[in-house]
Amino acid sequence: MANKKILFRGIKYLGWSLPLFFIGPVVIHSSFKNQNNPLYYVVLALGIIICLSAMLLLFRGVQTVVKSLFDHE
């Protein structure tokens, strides 16, 4: 049986990564549409950071779920 506390923590990571996978590309697309704006680079960097954090949370979530399923102590 899986360790439920660790499993729910992994599902929470996955739950937080899902909206970031949609928000990040929207922010990046918005920054490319407004290249004349002086905040172009700031918004682009923010979008890239959001996308990278979504990938990190997805990796941590999958890693935590697998750990809860296969790591028996």
C-alpha atoms as a PDB file:
ATOM      1  CA  MET A   1       0.000   0.000   0.000  1.00  0.00           C
ATOM      2  CA  ALA A   2       1.206   3.485  -0.810  1.00  0.00           C
ATOM      3  CA  ASN A   3       2.187   5.948   1.860  1.00  0.00           C
ATOM      4  CA  LYS A   4      -0.828   8.269   1.674  1.00  0.00           C
ATOM      5  CA  LYS A   5       0.839  11.328   3.183  1.00  0.00           C
ATOM      6  CA  ILE A   6       3.631  11.268   0.587  1.00  0.00           C
ATOM      7  CA  LEU A   7       1.158  10.405  -2.190  1.00  0.00           C
ATOM      8  CA  PHE A   8      -1.027  13.423  -1.405  1.00  0.00           C
ATOM      9  CA  ARG A   9       2.051  15.670  -1.306  1.00  0.00           C
ATOM     10  CA  GLY A  10       2.970  14.458  -4.810  1.00  0.00           C
ATOM     11  CA  ILE A  11      -0.567  15.033  -6.049  1.00  0.00           C
ATOM     12  CA  LYS A  12      -0.419  18.535  -4.581  1.00  0.00           C
ATOM     13  CA  TYR A  13       2.770  19.229  -6.565  1.00  0.00           C
ATOM     14  CA  LEU A  14       1.051  17.959  -9.709  1.00  0.00           C
ATOM     15  CA  GLY A  15      -2.005  20.085  -8.965  1.00  0.00           C
ATOM     16  CA  TRP A  16       0.101  23.238  -8.687  1.00  0.00           C
ATOM     17  CA  SER A  17       2.008  22.465 -11.878  1.00  0.00           C
ATOM     18  CA  LEU A  18      -1.111  22.106 -14.037  1.00  0.00           C
ATOM     19  CA  PRO A  19      -2.240  25.763 -14.011  1.00  0.00           C
ATOM     20  CA  LEU A  20       1.346  26.931 -14.432  1.00  0.00           C
ATOM     21  CA  PHE A  21       1.593  24.929 -17.664  1.00  0.00           C
ATOM     22  CA  PHE A  22      -1.184  27.126 -19.065  1.00  0.00           C
ATOM     23  CA  ILE A  23      -0.241  30.448 -17.461  1.00  0.00           C
ATOM     24  CA  GLY A  24       3.416  30.377 -18.561  1.00  0.00           C
ATOM     25  CA  PRO A  25       2.856  30.113 -22.332  1.00  0.00           C
ATOM     26  CA  VAL A  26       0.062  32.708 -22.152  1.00  0.00           C
ATOM     27  CA  VAL A  27       2.437  35.171 -20.464  1.00  0.00           C
ATOM     28  CA  ILE A  28       5.187  34.421 -23.000  1.00  0.00           C
ATOM     29  CA  HIS A  29       2.756  34.870 -25.911  1.00  0.00           C
ATOM     30  CA  SER A  30       1.537  38.128 -24.399  1.00  0.00           C
ATOM     31  CA  SER A  31       5.090  39.412 -24.099  1.00  0.00           C
ATOM     32  CA  PHE A  32       5.827  38.573 -27.753  1.00  0.00           C
ATOM     33  CA  LYS A  33       2.702  40.445 -28.825  1.00  0.00           C
ATOM     34  CA  ASN A  34       3.878  43.564 -26.960  1.00  0.00           C
ATOM     35  CA  GLN A  35       7.511  43.818 -28.031  1.00  0.00           C
ATOM     36  CA  ASN A  36       7.385  47.620 -28.141  1.00  0.00           C
ATOM     37  CA  ASN A  37       6.520  47.817 -24.455  1.00  0.00           C
ATOM     38  CA  PRO A  38       9.415  48.745 -22.153  1.00  0.00           C
ATOM     39  CA  LEU A  39       8.491  45.863 -19.831  1.00  0.00           C
ATOM     40  CA  TYR A  40       8.868  43.302 -22.626  1.00  0.00           C
ATOM     41  CA  TYR A  41      11.926  41.610 -21.153  1.00  0.00           C
ATOM     42  CA  VAL A  42      10.476  41.553 -17.643  1.00  0.00           C
ATOM     43  CA  VAL A  43       7.262  39.880 -18.795  1.00  0.00           C
ATOM     44  CA  LEU A  44       9.208  37.447 -20.992  1.00  0.00           C
ATOM     45  CA  ALA A  45      11.479  36.511 -18.078  1.00  0.00           C
ATOM     46  CA  LEU A  46       8.434  36.062 -15.844  1.00  0.00           C
ATOM     47  CA  GLY A  47       6.838  33.724 -18.391  1.00  0.00           C
ATOM     48  CA  ILE A  48      10.022  31.683 -18.687  1.00  0.00           C
ATOM     49  CA  ILE A  49      10.296  31.428 -14.894  1.00  0.00           C
ATOM     50  CA  ILE A  50       6.670  30.274 -14.688  1.00  0.00           C
ATOM     51  CA  CYS A  51       7.278  27.591 -17.336  1.00  0.00           C
ATOM     52  CA  LEU A  52      10.444  26.380 -15.621  1.00  0.00           C
ATOM     53  CA  SER A  53       8.697  26.226 -12.254  1.00  0.00           C
ATOM     54  CA  ALA A  54       5.868  24.218 -13.831  1.00  0.00           C
ATOM     55  CA  MET A  55       8.376  21.698 -15.180  1.00  0.00           C
ATOM     56  CA  LEU A  56      10.112  21.525 -11.796  1.00  0.00           C
ATOM     57  CA  LEU A  57       6.829  20.952  -9.965  1.00  0.00           C
ATOM     58  CA  LEU A  58       5.813  18.263 -12.458  1.00  0.00           C
ATOM     59  CA  PHE A  59       9.125  16.473 -11.977  1.00  0.00           C
ATOM     60  CA  ARG A  60       8.903  16.722  -8.181  1.00  0.00           C
ATOM     61  CA  GLY A  61       5.289  15.556  -8.225  1.00  0.00           C
ATOM     62  CA  VAL A  62       5.951  12.489 -10.367  1.00  0.00           C
ATOM     63  CA  GLN A  63       9.057  11.695  -8.329  1.00  0.00           C
ATOM     64  CA  THR A  64       7.104  11.954  -5.066  1.00  0.00           C
ATOM     65  CA  VAL A  65       4.220   9.815  -6.338  1.00  0.00           C
ATOM     66  CA  VAL A  66       6.610   7.113  -7.546  1.00  0.00           C
ATOM     67  CA  LYS A  67       8.443   7.272  -4.216  1.00  0.00           C
ATOM     68  CA  SER A  68       5.190   6.816  -2.318  1.00  0.00           C
ATOM     69  CA  LEU A  69       4.203   3.828  -4.438  1.00  0.00           C
ATOM     70  CA  PHE A  70       7.489   1.926  -4.533  1.00  0.00           C
ATOM     71  CA  ASP A  71       9.488   3.018  -1.474  1.00  0.00           C
ATOM     72  CA  HIS A  72       8.366   0.770   1.377  1.00  0.00           C
ATOM     73  CA  GLU A  73       9.947   1.164   4.765  1.00  0.00           C
END
